[in-house]
Amino acid sequence: MPTPLPDVPCCLNGEFSRVCDAKVSVLDRGFLFGDGIYEVVPVYGRRLFRFDEHLARLARNLAKVRIPDPHPREQWLRLCRELVQRLAAQTGAEDQVVYIQVTRGVAPRDHAMPPDAVPTVFMMVNPMRPPTAEQRHHGVACVSARDFRWERADIKSTSLLGNVLARQLSADHGAAETILLRDGFLTEASSSNVWVVHEGALLGPPKSERLLEGIRVELLRELCEEVGIAYNLRPIPEADVRSADELLLSSATKEVLAVTRLDGEAVGHGALRGKPGPVYARLYEAYQRAKSRQSI
């Protein structure tokens, strides 16, 4: 039987409805070309976490593909809050995820950008599904793969076929994520940023067009400063990934999560080999504290 559509609130071009009832034109360029940008905002206790940072990234990515930002900040905030309240009233869910998608709009099929298209704005909200207590306690397994996606991974585009194929590689092996390597260096995972812990320091790849500028990149820098962990963005060779003291994932829904197996091999050294490590524990605790003070 086909998977039933979720019965959750959505907003399409300013009209609220259930997501299973929303309809988009088959000539929408998001449908035909994946010509659009998306953003995901986590919600804790009905409050939007790091909303302004997510909204700023949305604006930057829209500008990169020359789609006009359809709303000012206050309208985006009002629409997000309305969806959050509707889902809370319907399900009682206090922790949620707001999905925002802006496509170039409806136009006759032509690769060139139509000058007069009106952006299509779709938003929906779902209960948050964070990692389980078992995943927090034991960590998760990942596999690695060559980063075969296009060169502009910095654009948070709805054209996600490369990420879909990458994620399926890990799904086929019962793993949580696929860690991607390009030309011998770490980029990111299919839907997460990846971090290496070496001698107590948190290391991540530098900002570039090869990986998405994750909101948690700056957040983890702040948390490292708060708890006294050294932090550095630099090129990370594959050998450093495989010999790491700890490996971590970060994303809107994973927050920060320990990777304890990579390609079937335990991560880490000594007594902590194959177990979540102390840097993960400190960052996870700091992340929980940040939720209350960085949500609106």
C-alpha atoms as a PDB file:
ATOM      1  CA  MET A   1       0.000   0.000   0.000  1.00  0.00           C
ATOM      2  CA  PRO A   2       1.248   3.549  -0.689  1.00  0.00           C
ATOM      3  CA  THR A   3       2.461   5.576   2.273  1.00  0.00           C
ATOM      4  CA  PRO A   4      -0.378   7.894   3.372  1.00  0.00           C
ATOM      5  CA  LEU A   5       0.254  11.620   3.104  1.00  0.00           C
ATOM      6  CA  PRO A   6       0.726  13.388   6.454  1.00  0.00           C
ATOM      7  CA  ASP A   7      -2.311  15.238   7.748  1.00  0.00           C
ATOM      8  CA  VAL A   8      -0.421  18.331   8.891  1.00  0.00           C
ATOM      9  CA  PRO A   9      -0.916  22.066   8.333  1.00  0.00           C
ATOM     10  CA  CYS A  10       0.665  23.811   5.385  1.00  0.00           C
ATOM     11  CA  CYS A  11       0.588  27.193   3.686  1.00  0.00           C
ATOM     12  CA  LEU A  12       0.709  27.564  -0.106  1.00  0.00           C
ATOM     13  CA  ASN A  13       1.002  31.109  -1.425  1.00  0.00           C
ATOM     14  CA  GLY A  14      -0.562  32.511   1.738  1.00  0.00           C
ATOM     15  CA  GLU A  15      -3.466  30.032   1.919  1.00  0.00           C
ATOM     16  CA  PHE A  16      -3.534  27.653   4.890  1.00  0.00           C
ATOM     17  CA  SER A  17      -4.765  24.078   4.430  1.00  0.00           C
ATOM     18  CA  ARG A  18      -3.788  20.487   5.133  1.00  0.00           C
ATOM     19  CA  VAL A  19      -0.713  19.314   3.248  1.00  0.00           C
ATOM     20  CA  CYS A  20      -2.691  16.469   1.652  1.00  0.00           C
ATOM     21  CA  ASP A  21      -5.060  19.026   0.099  1.00  0.00           C
ATOM     22  CA  ALA A  22      -2.480  21.497  -1.284  1.00  0.00           C
ATOM     23  CA  LYS A  23      -2.033  21.571  -5.089  1.00  0.00           C
ATOM     24  CA  VAL A  24       0.776  23.012  -7.213  1.00  0.00           C
ATOM     25  CA  SER A  25       0.756  23.530 -10.992  1.00  0.00           C
ATOM     26  CA  VAL A  26       2.538  20.878 -13.058  1.00  0.00           C
ATOM     27  CA  LEU A  27       4.281  23.804 -14.804  1.00  0.00           C
ATOM     28  CA  ASP A  28       5.834  25.034 -11.576  1.00  0.00           C
ATOM     29  CA  ARG A  29       9.585  25.193 -12.141  1.00  0.00           C
ATOM     30  CA  GLY A  30      10.165  23.542  -8.787  1.00  0.00           C
ATOM     31  CA  PHE A  31       8.346  20.483 -10.145  1.00  0.00           C
ATOM     32  CA  LEU A  32       9.938  20.566 -13.617  1.00  0.00           C
ATOM     33  CA  PHE A  33      13.501  21.627 -12.819  1.00  0.00           C
ATOM     34  CA  GLY A  34      13.964  21.567  -9.044  1.00  0.00           C
ATOM     35  CA  ASP A  35      14.323  25.325  -9.561  1.00  0.00           C
ATOM     36  CA  GLY A  36      13.887  26.474  -5.998  1.00  0.00           C
ATOM     37  CA  ILE A  37      15.392  26.995  -2.574  1.00  0.00           C
ATOM     38  CA  TYR A  38      14.355  25.487   0.756  1.00  0.00           C
ATOM     39  CA  GLU A  39      14.997  26.033   4.445  1.00  0.00           C
ATOM     40  CA  VAL A  40      14.275  23.995   7.593  1.00  0.00           C
ATOM     41  CA  VAL A  41      13.718  25.705  10.935  1.00  0.00           C
ATOM     42  CA  PRO A  42      13.612  23.660  14.162  1.00  0.00           C
ATOM     43  CA  VAL A  43      11.046  24.535  16.814  1.00  0.00           C
ATOM     44  CA  TYR A  44      11.358  23.835  20.549  1.00  0.00           C
ATOM     45  CA  GLY A  45       8.451  24.451  22.888  1.00  0.00           C
ATOM     46  CA  ARG A  46       6.603  26.180  20.002  1.00  0.00           C
ATOM     47  CA  ARG A  47       9.501  28.657  19.619  1.00  0.00           C
ATOM     48  CA  LEU A  48      11.607  28.983  16.457  1.00  0.00           C
ATOM     49  CA  PHE A  49      15.296  28.176  17.025  1.00  0.00           C
ATOM     50  CA  ARG A  50      17.833  30.567  15.456  1.00  0.00           C
ATOM     51  CA  PHE A  51      15.082  31.880  13.194  1.00  0.00           C
ATOM     52  CA  ASP A  52      16.988  34.933  11.969  1.00  0.00           C
ATOM     53  CA  GLU A  53      19.998  32.826  10.988  1.00  0.00           C
ATOM     54  CA  HIS A  54      17.786  30.452   9.008  1.00  0.00           C
ATOM     55  CA  LEU A  55      15.965  33.353   7.359  1.00  0.00           C
ATOM     56  CA  ALA A  56      19.252  35.050   6.430  1.00  0.00           C
ATOM     57  CA  ARG A  57      20.475  31.833   4.786  1.00  0.00           C
ATOM     58  CA  LEU A  58      17.205  31.557   2.874  1.00  0.00           C
ATOM     59  CA  ALA A  59      17.683  35.107   1.577  1.00  0.00           C
ATOM     60  CA  ARG A  60      21.314  34.427   0.593  1.00  0.00           C
ATOM     61  CA  ASN A  61      20.378  31.310  -1.337  1.00  0.00           C
ATOM     62  CA  LEU A  62      17.464  32.966  -3.112  1.00  0.00           C
ATOM     63  CA  ALA A  63      19.851  35.707  -4.224  1.00  0.00           C
ATOM     64  CA  LYS A  64      22.352  33.129  -5.531  1.00  0.00           C
ATOM     65  CA  VAL A  65      19.746  31.731  -7.951  1.00  0.00           C
ATOM     66  CA  ARG A  66      18.085  35.086  -8.681  1.00  0.00           C
ATOM     67  CA  ILE A  67      14.691  34.373  -7.116  1.00  0.00           C
ATOM     68  CA  PRO A  68      13.256  37.432  -5.333  1.00  0.00           C
ATOM     69  CA  ASP A  69      12.603  36.992  -1.620  1.00  0.00           C
ATOM     70  CA  PRO A  70       8.789  37.036  -1.494  1.00  0.00           C
ATOM     71  CA  HIS A  71       8.329  38.183   2.123  1.00  0.00           C
ATOM     72  CA  PRO A  72       9.856  40.549   4.669  1.00  0.00           C
ATOM     73  CA  ARG A  73      11.012  39.119   7.980  1.00  0.00           C
ATOM     74  CA  GLU A  74       7.844  39.874   9.927  1.00  0.00           C
ATOM     75  CA  GLN A  75       5.648  38.108   7.391  1.00  0.00           C
ATOM     76  CA  TRP A  76       7.886  35.038   7.379  1.00  0.00           C
ATOM     77  CA  LEU A  77       7.764  35.038  11.177  1.00  0.00           C
ATOM     78  CA  ARG A  78       3.987  35.389  11.239  1.00  0.00           C
ATOM     79  CA  LEU A  79       3.471  32.512   8.781  1.00  0.00           C
ATOM     80  CA  CYS A  80       5.884  30.227  10.648  1.00  0.00           C
ATOM     81  CA  ARG A  81       4.264  30.951  13.995  1.00  0.00           C
ATOM     82  CA  GLU A  82       0.793  30.351  12.579  1.00  0.00           C
ATOM     83  CA  LEU A  83       1.824  26.923  11.292  1.00  0.00           C
ATOM     84  CA  VAL A  84       3.456  26.057  14.614  1.00  0.00           C
ATOM     85  CA  GLN A  85       0.310  26.974  16.536  1.00  0.00           C
ATOM     86  CA  ARG A  86      -1.915  25.043  14.136  1.00  0.00           C
ATOM     87  CA  LEU A  87       0.123  21.844  14.494  1.00  0.00           C
ATOM     88  CA  ALA A  88       0.322  22.232  18.275  1.00  0.00           C
ATOM     89  CA  ALA A  89      -3.461  22.629  18.442  1.00  0.00           C
ATOM     90  CA  GLN A  90      -3.954  19.596  16.191  1.00  0.00           C
ATOM     91  CA  THR A  91      -1.428  17.180  17.701  1.00  0.00           C
ATOM     92  CA  GLY A  92      -0.072  18.721  20.897  1.00  0.00           C
ATOM     93  CA  ALA A  93       3.448  18.658  19.422  1.00  0.00           C
ATOM     94  CA  GLU A  94       5.652  21.231  21.148  1.00  0.00           C
ATOM     95  CA  ASP A  95       8.852  20.417  19.209  1.00  0.00           C
ATOM     96  CA  GLN A  96       8.423  20.735  15.466  1.00  0.00           C
ATOM     97  CA  VAL A  97      10.164  21.364  12.144  1.00  0.00           C
ATOM     98  CA  VAL A  98       9.020  24.116   9.773  1.00  0.00           C
ATOM     99  CA  TYR A  99       9.847  23.502   6.104  1.00  0.00           C
ATOM    100  CA  ILE A 100       9.981  26.507   3.746  1.00  0.00           C
ATOM    101  CA  GLN A 101      10.270  26.198  -0.038  1.00  0.00           C
ATOM    102  CA  VAL A 102      10.371  29.000  -2.603  1.00  0.00           C
ATOM    103  CA  THR A 103      10.420  28.076  -6.299  1.00  0.00           C
ATOM    104  CA  ARG A 104      10.794  30.398  -9.271  1.00  0.00           C
ATOM    105  CA  GLY A 105       7.115  29.902 -10.026  1.00  0.00           C
ATOM    106  CA  VAL A 106       4.887  28.781 -12.892  1.00  0.00           C
ATOM    107  CA  ALA A 107       5.978  29.310 -16.508  1.00  0.00           C
ATOM    108  CA  PRO A 108       6.118  27.462 -19.851  1.00  0.00           C
ATOM    109  CA  ARG A 109       8.890  24.871 -19.779  1.00  0.00           C
ATOM    110  CA  ASP A 110      12.130  26.522 -20.856  1.00  0.00           C
ATOM    111  CA  HIS A 111      15.538  26.264 -19.209  1.00  0.00           C
ATOM    112  CA  ALA A 112      16.064  30.030 -19.296  1.00  0.00           C
ATOM    113  CA  MET A 113      14.769  31.944 -16.263  1.00  0.00           C
ATOM    114  CA  PRO A 114      11.402  33.558 -17.041  1.00  0.00           C
ATOM    115  CA  PRO A 115      11.608  37.279 -16.214  1.00  0.00           C
ATOM    116  CA  ASP A 116       8.002  37.626 -15.039  1.00  0.00           C
ATOM    117  CA  ALA A 117       7.417  34.456 -12.997  1.00  0.00           C
ATOM    118  CA  VAL A 118       5.893  34.914  -9.531  1.00  0.00           C
ATOM    119  CA  PRO A 119       7.588  32.756  -6.875  1.00  0.00           C
ATOM    120  CA  THR A 120       5.627  29.860  -5.412  1.00  0.00           C
ATOM    121  CA  VAL A 121       5.863  29.804  -1.608  1.00  0.00           C
ATOM    122  CA  PHE A 122       5.124  26.519   0.140  1.00  0.00           C
ATOM    123  CA  MET A 123       5.470  25.931   3.875  1.00  0.00           C
ATOM    124  CA  MET A 124       4.596  22.978   6.075  1.00  0.00           C
ATOM    125  CA  VAL A 125       5.209  21.843   9.620  1.00  0.00           C
ATOM    126  CA  ASN A 126       5.757  18.401  11.121  1.00  0.00           C
ATOM    127  CA  PRO A 127       6.434  17.055  14.600  1.00  0.00           C
ATOM    128  CA  MET A 128      10.180  16.842  15.212  1.00  0.00           C
ATOM    129  CA  ARG A 129      11.631  13.339  15.124  1.00  0.00           C
ATOM    130  CA  PRO A 130      14.963  13.661  16.930  1.00  0.00           C
ATOM    131  CA  PRO A 131      17.475  10.838  17.344  1.00  0.00           C
ATOM    132  CA  THR A 132      16.294   8.123  19.698  1.00  0.00           C
ATOM    133  CA  ALA A 133      17.626   7.616  23.210  1.00  0.00           C
ATOM    134  CA  GLU A 134      19.444   4.510  21.930  1.00  0.00           C
ATOM    135  CA  GLN A 135      21.138   6.513  19.166  1.00  0.00           C
ATOM    136  CA  ARG A 136      22.184   9.138  21.704  1.00  0.00           C
ATOM    137  CA  HIS A 137      23.600   6.486  24.032  1.00  0.00           C
ATOM    138  CA  HIS A 138      25.353   4.272  21.478  1.00  0.00           C
ATOM    139  CA  GLY A 139      25.953   6.639  18.553  1.00  0.00           C
ATOM    140  CA  VAL A 140      25.131   5.811  14.946  1.00  0.00           C
ATOM    141  CA  ALA A 141      26.765   4.031  12.035  1.00  0.00           C
ATOM    142  CA  CYS A 142      27.680   5.783   8.777  1.00  0.00           C
ATOM    143  CA  VAL A 143      29.126   4.762   5.445  1.00  0.00           C
ATOM    144  CA  SER A 144      31.432   6.816   3.231  1.00  0.00           C
ATOM    145  CA  ALA A 145      31.198   7.571  -0.491  1.00  0.00           C
ATOM    146  CA  ARG A 146      32.717   9.745  -3.187  1.00  0.00           C
ATOM    147  CA  ASP A 147      30.965  13.118  -3.312  1.00  0.00           C
ATOM    148  CA  PHE A 148      29.402  12.858  -6.775  1.00  0.00           C
ATOM    149  CA  ARG A 149      27.017  15.817  -6.427  1.00  0.00           C
ATOM    150  CA  TRP A 150      27.187  19.012  -8.472  1.00  0.00           C
ATOM    151  CA  GLU A 151      29.801  21.688  -7.727  1.00  0.00           C
ATOM    152  CA  ARG A 152      27.410  24.173  -6.056  1.00  0.00           C
ATOM    153  CA  ALA A 153      26.577  22.253  -2.903  1.00  0.00           C
ATOM    154  CA  ASP A 154      26.586  25.617  -1.086  1.00  0.00           C
ATOM    155  CA  ILE A 155      23.170  26.375  -2.624  1.00  0.00           C
ATOM    156  CA  LYS A 156      20.311  24.916  -0.559  1.00  0.00           C
ATOM    157  CA  SER A 157      18.459  23.914  -3.695  1.00  0.00           C
ATOM    158  CA  THR A 158      15.407  21.695  -3.981  1.00  0.00           C
ATOM    159  CA  SER A 159      17.393  19.844  -6.687  1.00  0.00           C
ATOM    160  CA  LEU A 160      18.444  17.119  -4.258  1.00  0.00           C
ATOM    161  CA  LEU A 161      18.785  14.008  -6.422  1.00  0.00           C
ATOM    162  CA  GLY A 162      22.495  13.731  -5.643  1.00  0.00           C
ATOM    163  CA  ASN A 163      21.760  13.902  -1.915  1.00  0.00           C
ATOM    164  CA  VAL A 164      18.946  11.377  -2.308  1.00  0.00           C
ATOM    165  CA  LEU A 165      21.277   8.915  -4.039  1.00  0.00           C
ATOM    166  CA  ALA A 166      23.938   9.489  -1.396  1.00  0.00           C
ATOM    167  CA  ARG A 167      21.514   8.963   1.482  1.00  0.00           C
ATOM    168  CA  GLN A 168      20.199   5.777  -0.096  1.00  0.00           C
ATOM    169  CA  LEU A 169      23.696   4.304   0.036  1.00  0.00           C
ATOM    170  CA  SER A 170      23.558   4.437   3.832  1.00  0.00           C
ATOM    171  CA  ALA A 171      19.908   3.372   3.975  1.00  0.00           C
ATOM    172  CA  ASP A 172      20.816   0.262   1.982  1.00  0.00           C
ATOM    173  CA  HIS A 173      23.313  -0.633   4.732  1.00  0.00           C
ATOM    174  CA  GLY A 174      21.060   0.221   7.671  1.00  0.00           C
ATOM    175  CA  ALA A 175      23.236   3.235   8.487  1.00  0.00           C
ATOM    176  CA  ALA A 176      22.215   6.729   9.555  1.00  0.00           C
ATOM    177  CA  GLU A 177      24.191   8.824   7.059  1.00  0.00           C
ATOM    178  CA  THR A 178      26.589   8.844   4.125  1.00  0.00           C
ATOM    179  CA  ILE A 179      29.784  10.821   4.756  1.00  0.00           C
ATOM    180  CA  LEU A 180      31.048  12.327   1.498  1.00  0.00           C
ATOM    181  CA  LEU A 181      34.627  12.792   0.322  1.00  0.00           C
ATOM    182  CA  ARG A 182      35.738  14.775  -2.729  1.00  0.00           C
ATOM    183  CA  ASP A 183      39.283  14.572  -4.105  1.00  0.00           C
ATOM    184  CA  GLY A 184      40.435  12.931  -0.879  1.00  0.00           C
ATOM    185  CA  PHE A 185      38.938  15.518   1.494  1.00  0.00           C
ATOM    186  CA  LEU A 186      35.831  15.606   3.679  1.00  0.00           C
ATOM    187  CA  THR A 187      32.927  17.737   2.459  1.00  0.00           C
ATOM    188  CA  GLU A 188      29.724  16.842   4.371  1.00  0.00           C
ATOM    189  CA  ALA A 189      27.083  14.125   4.605  1.00  0.00           C
ATOM    190  CA  SER A 190      23.943  13.703   2.510  1.00  0.00           C
ATOM    191  CA  SER A 191      21.892  15.895   4.881  1.00  0.00           C
ATOM    192  CA  SER A 192      24.283  16.786   7.703  1.00  0.00           C
ATOM    193  CA  ASN A 193      27.504  18.595   8.423  1.00  0.00           C
ATOM    194  CA  VAL A 194      30.364  16.352   9.581  1.00  0.00           C
ATOM    195  CA  TRP A 195      32.895  17.090  12.327  1.00  0.00           C
ATOM    196  CA  VAL A 196      36.167  15.448  13.323  1.00  0.00           C
ATOM    197  CA  VAL A 197      37.510  15.520  16.879  1.00  0.00           C
ATOM    198  CA  HIS A 198      41.296  15.383  17.124  1.00  0.00           C
ATOM    199  CA  GLU A 199      43.158  15.778  20.427  1.00  0.00           C
ATOM    200  CA  GLY A 200      40.159  17.437  22.032  1.00  0.00           C
ATOM    201  CA  ALA A 201      39.591  19.973  19.229  1.00  0.00           C
ATOM    202  CA  LEU A 202      36.532  20.143  16.976  1.00  0.00           C
ATOM    203  CA  LEU A 203      37.489  20.355  13.293  1.00  0.00           C
ATOM    204  CA  GLY A 204      35.278  20.967  10.274  1.00  0.00           C
ATOM    205  CA  PRO A 205      35.841  21.610   6.566  1.00  0.00           C
ATOM    206  CA  PRO A 206      36.256  25.276   5.564  1.00  0.00           C
ATOM    207  CA  LYS A 207      33.385  27.151   3.917  1.00  0.00           C
ATOM    208  CA  SER A 208      33.322  26.636   0.167  1.00  0.00           C
ATOM    209  CA  GLU A 209      31.026  25.923  -2.772  1.00  0.00           C
ATOM    210  CA  ARG A 210      31.488  22.217  -2.094  1.00  0.00           C
ATOM    211  CA  LEU A 211      29.339  22.120   1.028  1.00  0.00           C
ATOM    212  CA  LEU A 212      26.339  23.800   2.560  1.00  0.00           C
ATOM    213  CA  GLU A 213      26.864  26.553   5.090  1.00  0.00           C
ATOM    214  CA  GLY A 214      25.092  24.785   7.932  1.00  0.00           C
ATOM    215  CA  ILE A 215      23.456  26.946  10.599  1.00  0.00           C
ATOM    216  CA  ARG A 216      25.084  24.693  13.179  1.00  0.00           C
ATOM    217  CA  VAL A 217      28.564  25.570  11.878  1.00  0.00           C
ATOM    218  CA  GLU A 218      28.407  28.936  13.600  1.00  0.00           C
ATOM    219  CA  LEU A 219      26.369  27.534  16.489  1.00  0.00           C
ATOM    220  CA  LEU A 220      28.991  24.892  17.274  1.00  0.00           C
ATOM    221  CA  ARG A 221      31.703  27.544  17.151  1.00  0.00           C
ATOM    222  CA  GLU A 222      29.756  29.474  19.803  1.00  0.00           C
ATOM    223  CA  LEU A 223      29.202  26.341  21.897  1.00  0.00           C
ATOM    224  CA  CYS A 224      32.883  25.389  21.688  1.00  0.00           C
ATOM    225  CA  GLU A 225      33.805  28.839  22.945  1.00  0.00           C
ATOM    226  CA  GLU A 226      31.267  28.489  25.762  1.00  0.00           C
ATOM    227  CA  VAL A 227      32.603  25.162  27.030  1.00  0.00           C
ATOM    228  CA  GLY A 228      36.295  25.644  26.242  1.00  0.00           C
ATOM    229  CA  ILE A 229      36.748  23.346  23.235  1.00  0.00           C
ATOM    230  CA  ALA A 230      39.214  24.363  20.512  1.00  0.00           C
ATOM    231  CA  TYR A 231      37.508  24.908  17.140  1.00  0.00           C
ATOM    232  CA  ASN A 232      38.990  25.144  13.667  1.00  0.00           C
ATOM    233  CA  LEU A 233      37.757  24.978  10.070  1.00  0.00           C
ATOM    234  CA  ARG A 234      40.422  23.547   7.753  1.00  0.00           C
ATOM    235  CA  PRO A 235      40.721  20.990   4.931  1.00  0.00           C
ATOM    236  CA  ILE A 236      40.310  17.506   6.424  1.00  0.00           C
ATOM    237  CA  PRO A 237      41.958  14.612   4.547  1.00  0.00           C
ATOM    238  CA  GLU A 238      40.176  11.279   4.442  1.00  0.00           C
ATOM    239  CA  ALA A 239      42.902   9.790   6.655  1.00  0.00           C
ATOM    240  CA  ASP A 240      41.975  12.254   9.428  1.00  0.00           C
ATOM    241  CA  VAL A 241      38.336  11.195   9.183  1.00  0.00           C
ATOM    242  CA  ARG A 242      39.214   7.532   9.561  1.00  0.00           C
ATOM    243  CA  SER A 243      41.664   8.096  12.418  1.00  0.00           C
ATOM    244  CA  ALA A 244      39.482  10.590  14.342  1.00  0.00           C
ATOM    245  CA  ASP A 245      39.094  10.422  18.091  1.00  0.00           C
ATOM    246  CA  GLU A 246      35.405  11.214  17.552  1.00  0.00           C
ATOM    247  CA  LEU A 247      33.138  11.827  14.545  1.00  0.00           C
ATOM    248  CA  LEU A 248      30.016  13.982  14.843  1.00  0.00           C
ATOM    249  CA  LEU A 249      27.064  14.918  12.675  1.00  0.00           C
ATOM    250  CA  SER A 250      25.056  18.117  13.012  1.00  0.00           C
ATOM    251  CA  SER A 251      21.767  19.199  11.433  1.00  0.00           C
ATOM    252  CA  ALA A 252      18.472  20.856  12.318  1.00  0.00           C
ATOM    253  CA  THR A 253      16.919  17.576  13.480  1.00  0.00           C
ATOM    254  CA  LYS A 254      20.013  15.632  14.610  1.00  0.00           C
ATOM    255  CA  GLU A 255      21.308  18.658  16.564  1.00  0.00           C
ATOM    256  CA  VAL A 256      24.724  17.093  17.276  1.00  0.00           C
ATOM    257  CA  LEU A 257      25.079  13.318  17.121  1.00  0.00           C
ATOM    258  CA  ALA A 258      27.991  10.909  17.619  1.00  0.00           C
ATOM    259  CA  VAL A 259      29.120   8.590  14.825  1.00  0.00           C
ATOM    260  CA  THR A 260      30.560   5.445  16.394  1.00  0.00           C
ATOM    261  CA  ARG A 261      30.995   3.228  13.313  1.00  0.00           C
ATOM    262  CA  LEU A 262      32.193   4.176   9.833  1.00  0.00           C
ATOM    263  CA  ASP A 263      32.169   1.620   7.015  1.00  0.00           C
ATOM    264  CA  GLY A 264      31.842  -1.144   9.612  1.00  0.00           C
ATOM    265  CA  GLU A 265      34.845  -0.017  11.669  1.00  0.00           C
ATOM    266  CA  ALA A 266      34.595   1.406  15.199  1.00  0.00           C
ATOM    267  CA  VAL A 267      35.430   5.109  15.518  1.00  0.00           C
ATOM    268  CA  GLY A 268      37.915   6.311  18.138  1.00  0.00           C
ATOM    269  CA  HIS A 269      40.668   4.826  20.245  1.00  0.00           C
ATOM    270  CA  GLY A 270      41.207   2.984  23.500  1.00  0.00           C
ATOM    271  CA  ALA A 271      38.397   2.559  25.981  1.00  0.00           C
ATOM    272  CA  LEU A 272      36.155   4.980  24.040  1.00  0.00           C
ATOM    273  CA  ARG A 273      36.519   3.169  20.728  1.00  0.00           C
ATOM    274  CA  GLY A 274      33.057   2.671  19.234  1.00  0.00           C
ATOM    275  CA  LYS A 275      31.391   4.861  21.897  1.00  0.00           C
ATOM    276  CA  PRO A 276      30.225   8.497  22.006  1.00  0.00           C
ATOM    277  CA  GLY A 277      33.100  10.593  23.323  1.00  0.00           C
ATOM    278  CA  PRO A 278      33.547  13.464  25.797  1.00  0.00           C
ATOM    279  CA  VAL A 279      33.532  16.270  23.203  1.00  0.00           C
ATOM    280  CA  TYR A 280      30.188  15.046  21.915  1.00  0.00           C
ATOM    281  CA  ALA A 281      28.793  14.900  25.445  1.00  0.00           C
ATOM    282  CA  ARG A 282      29.851  18.472  26.258  1.00  0.00           C
ATOM    283  CA  LEU A 283      28.547  19.879  22.980  1.00  0.00           C
ATOM    284  CA  TYR A 284      25.242  18.044  23.279  1.00  0.00           C
ATOM    285  CA  GLU A 285      24.665  19.429  26.768  1.00  0.00           C
ATOM    286  CA  ALA A 286      25.601  22.946  25.606  1.00  0.00           C
ATOM    287  CA  TYR A 287      23.231  22.583  22.651  1.00  0.00           C
ATOM    288  CA  GLN A 288      20.342  21.800  24.986  1.00  0.00           C
ATOM    289  CA  ARG A 289      21.068  24.948  26.990  1.00  0.00           C
ATOM    290  CA  ALA A 290      21.180  27.024  23.797  1.00  0.00           C
ATOM    291  CA  LYS A 291      17.638  26.031  22.826  1.00  0.00           C
ATOM    292  CA  SER A 292      15.993  28.134  25.514  1.00  0.00           C
ATOM    293  CA  ARG A 293      18.025  31.282  24.912  1.00  0.00           C
ATOM    294  CA  GLN A 294      18.123  31.254  21.077  1.00  0.00           C
ATOM    295  CA  SER A 295      14.456  30.621  20.284  1.00  0.00           C
ATOM    296  CA  ILE A 296      11.758  33.192  19.569  1.00  0.00           C
END
